[in-house]
């Protein structure tokens, strides 16, 4: 496994190039080291930006619902049930989902650096955890194209945690606000449509 102090893109490259047919989730956590929470949130969120089979967002969102609250309560290292840590993932599937993000991630890492430190720490990290937890609930809902902004937001905030980069965190906060606005608009449109339908059928 890679040095946990390495850039996230390098850690992902090493995982995707693992010669074994399968790898356990526990081994992935170990590879990420002390920055595993941010890395795992990134790993489970960004594949939702890809065209995946129906129901994939629910499967990928479930681990986020377990990990994000740990960030919110200040846990430093991820806690996963023993059975989940032993769960195996096909290396080919891992490479298929994550491999295409390595190039863009490397470009981001060229200018990313620890900055705006006040956005992190006991309060800032918890705020990020709360936002990711709320968006994880949206992510698991079967809303057509409704998982794109939440997935991007969680991915950005997760990368900000990993890099301790406040600029990326600000991008995540802006994206979170846009996600909230779109959800409100979507909910309002559904309510309006139901009211129109009720009027039409005479309720």
Foldseek 3Di string as FASTA:
>chain_A
DDDLVDQLLVLLVCLLPPPDFKDFQLVSLVSNPQLSLLSLLLLLQVLVLPDDPQQSLLVSLVVLLQRLVCLLQPPRGHDDPPVRRRDMDGSNVSCVRCVVCSVVSVVVVVPFAADPLVCDDPPNSNVLSVLLNVLSVQRSDRDVVLSNLSSVLSNLSSSCSSRNGVVSPVVSVVSSVVSVVVVVVVVVVVVVVVVVVCVVVPD
